[in-house]
């Protein structure tokens, strides 16, 4: 079952983020606190939205966090999937595709033009999974990031 995240899910979401960071070989990078996640997800005007995947017993086994972006060319919003993670022991059970299907359903229902996300180049299992769903890599694009000291220097 896929459902919207609720405030009580914040500790679970944080734990799943930590598991994702371990999987992506950057456990020290997951620094978000419960308070930060709660504020982002459940403010009067949320900055990010969440979905929870549950097994038949109602136990959370995965999540997706996303936010809206905008295409100036299409003139419509889109969904940017920031993170999707399913616990390793239940992969292959349809939870990942169910999370993505719900994002696609939301996009279609609201008239959004696309759902997009990034995947690490070395993550061949996920790349293959996404391609099987019909997603296409945007090989001609390079993601750029301004962060840390460079952000501070440029933004000061």
Protein backbone atom coordinates (compact mmCIF):
# COMPACT_ATOMS: atom_id res chain seq x y z
CA UNK A 1 0.00 0.00 0.00
CA UNK A 2 1.17 3.51 -0.81
CA UNK A 3 -0.07 6.40 1.30
CA UNK A 4 0.87 10.02 1.97
CA UNK A 5 3.36 10.52 4.77
CA UNK A 6 1.91 11.66 8.10
CA UNK A 7 3.62 13.54 10.93
CA UNK A 8 4.01 10.31 12.92
CA UNK A 9 6.11 8.90 10.03
CA UNK A 10 8.95 11.40 10.48
CA UNK A 11 11.19 9.10 12.60
CA UNK A 12 10.63 6.28 10.12
CA UNK A 13 11.43 8.55 7.19
CA UNK A 14 14.64 9.67 8.90
CA UNK A 15 15.62 6.03 9.51
CA UNK A 16 14.91 5.17 5.86
CA UNK A 17 16.99 8.17 4.76
CA UNK A 18 19.86 6.83 6.87
CA UNK A 19 19.46 3.40 5.24
CA UNK A 20 19.49 5.07 1.81
CA UNK A 21 22.67 6.97 2.71
CA UNK A 22 24.29 3.67 3.72
CA UNK A 23 23.23 2.10 0.40
CA UNK A 24 24.63 5.08 -1.51
CA UNK A 25 27.93 4.74 0.39
CA UNK A 26 27.60 8.09 2.19
CA UNK A 27 26.29 7.31 5.69
CA UNK A 28 27.77 10.52 7.13
CA UNK A 29 25.87 12.66 4.61
CA UNK A 30 22.40 12.01 6.11
CA UNK A 31 22.17 14.88 8.59
CA UNK A 32 18.47 15.82 8.45
CA UNK A 33 16.79 15.89 11.85
CA UNK A 34 13.24 14.93 12.73
CA UNK A 35 12.53 18.62 13.33
CA UNK A 36 13.81 19.63 9.89
CA UNK A 37 11.86 16.88 8.15
CA UNK A 38 8.69 17.71 10.06
CA UNK A 39 9.00 21.41 9.18
CA UNK A 40 9.63 20.68 5.49
CA UNK A 41 6.88 18.09 5.12
CA UNK A 42 4.13 19.47 7.34
CA UNK A 43 4.41 23.26 7.36
CA UNK A 44 1.44 25.37 6.30
CA UNK A 45 3.01 25.49 2.83
CA UNK A 46 5.16 22.33 2.61
CA UNK A 47 8.41 22.45 0.66
CA UNK A 48 8.47 18.69 0.14
CA UNK A 49 5.95 15.87 0.08
CA UNK A 50 6.25 12.25 1.08
CA UNK A 51 4.83 8.85 0.29
CA UNK A 52 5.17 5.75 2.43
CA UNK A 53 5.12 2.18 1.12
CA UNK A 54 3.74 -0.35 3.59
CA UNK A 55 3.71 -4.13 3.52
CA UNK A 56 0.55 -6.17 4.14
CA UNK A 57 1.03 -5.86 7.91
CA UNK A 58 1.16 -2.04 7.68
CA UNK A 59 4.90 -1.85 8.33
CA UNK A 60 6.71 0.90 6.40
CA UNK A 61 9.17 -0.65 3.93
CA UNK A 62 9.97 2.30 1.69
CA UNK A 63 9.44 5.96 0.97
CA UNK A 64 9.57 8.65 -1.66
CA UNK A 65 10.20 12.34 -1.04
CA UNK A 66 9.42 14.79 -3.82
CA UNK A 67 8.83 18.43 -4.56
CA UNK A 68 7.43 20.45 -7.42
CA UNK A 69 9.56 21.94 -10.14
CA UNK A 70 8.51 23.97 -13.16
CA UNK A 71 9.21 23.69 -16.86
CA UNK A 72 9.47 27.09 -18.49
CA UNK A 73 9.25 25.38 -21.88
CA UNK A 74 6.08 23.44 -21.11
CA UNK A 75 4.57 26.03 -18.77
CA UNK A 76 3.61 23.34 -16.26
CA UNK A 77 4.80 22.00 -12.96
CA UNK A 78 6.52 18.67 -12.70
CA UNK A 79 7.51 16.40 -9.87
CA UNK A 80 11.13 16.05 -8.87
CA UNK A 81 11.72 12.83 -6.97
CA UNK A 82 14.43 13.66 -4.46
CA UNK A 83 14.68 10.21 -2.90
CA UNK A 84 13.11 6.81 -3.35
CA UNK A 85 14.18 3.89 -1.19
CA UNK A 86 12.86 0.42 -0.49
CA UNK A 87 14.39 -1.78 2.18
CA UNK A 88 16.72 -4.37 0.59
CA UNK A 89 14.89 -7.34 2.11
CA UNK A 90 11.65 -6.47 0.28
CA UNK A 91 13.04 -5.31 -3.06
CA UNK A 92 11.40 -7.04 -5.97
CA UNK A 93 8.05 -6.95 -4.15
CA UNK A 94 6.66 -4.11 -6.26
CA UNK A 95 7.06 -1.32 -3.71
CA UNK A 96 9.40 0.80 -5.82
CA UNK A 97 7.20 0.63 -8.88
CA UNK A 98 4.13 1.34 -6.72
CA UNK A 99 5.79 4.47 -5.33
CA UNK A 100 6.71 5.66 -8.83
CA UNK A 101 3.26 4.78 -10.16
CA UNK A 102 1.69 6.93 -7.43
CA UNK A 103 3.95 9.84 -8.37
CA UNK A 104 2.95 9.39 -12.02
CA UNK A 105 -0.72 9.25 -11.02
CA UNK A 106 -0.36 12.50 -9.05
CA UNK A 107 1.38 14.16 -12.02
CA UNK A 108 -1.31 13.06 -14.46
CA UNK A 109 -4.16 13.98 -12.13
CA UNK A 110 -2.76 17.48 -11.56
CA UNK A 111 -1.73 18.16 -15.16
CA UNK A 112 2.00 18.15 -14.43
CA UNK A 113 4.27 17.57 -17.42
CA UNK A 114 6.83 15.14 -16.02
CA UNK A 115 8.36 13.19 -13.18
CA UNK A 116 12.13 13.25 -13.05
CA UNK A 117 14.94 12.21 -10.74
CA UNK A 118 18.65 11.48 -10.57
CA UNK A 119 20.32 8.12 -10.14
CA UNK A 120 23.95 7.40 -9.37
CA UNK A 121 25.90 6.17 -12.40
CA UNK A 122 27.06 3.03 -10.58
CA UNK A 123 23.55 2.02 -9.50
CA UNK A 124 22.92 -0.35 -12.41
CA UNK A 125 20.07 -2.27 -10.70
CA UNK A 126 18.09 0.95 -10.27
CA UNK A 127 18.95 2.23 -13.75
CA UNK A 128 17.69 -1.02 -15.26
CA UNK A 129 14.55 -0.88 -13.13
CA UNK A 130 13.80 2.71 -14.20
CA UNK A 131 14.38 1.95 -17.88
CA UNK A 132 12.01 -1.03 -17.62
CA UNK A 133 9.32 1.40 -16.43
CA UNK A 134 9.84 3.54 -19.53
CA UNK A 135 12.07 6.23 -17.98
CA UNK A 136 14.84 7.54 -20.20
CA UNK A 137 18.24 8.86 -19.10
CA UNK A 138 18.97 12.50 -19.81
CA UNK A 139 22.51 11.77 -20.93
CA UNK A 140 23.03 15.16 -22.50
CA UNK A 141 22.55 16.95 -19.16
CA UNK A 142 25.05 17.38 -16.34
CA UNK A 143 23.79 18.07 -12.84
CA UNK A 144 25.53 21.05 -11.27
CA UNK A 145 25.64 21.78 -7.56
CA UNK A 146 26.78 24.79 -5.55
CA UNK A 147 27.23 23.83 -1.90
CA UNK A 148 29.41 24.20 1.19
CA UNK A 149 32.25 26.71 1.10
CA UNK A 150 31.65 27.55 -2.56
CA UNK A 151 28.00 28.40 -1.83
CA UNK A 152 28.98 30.50 1.17
CA UNK A 153 31.64 32.39 -0.78
CA UNK A 154 29.42 33.02 -3.79
CA UNK A 155 26.30 33.88 -1.78
CA UNK A 156 27.97 36.21 0.71
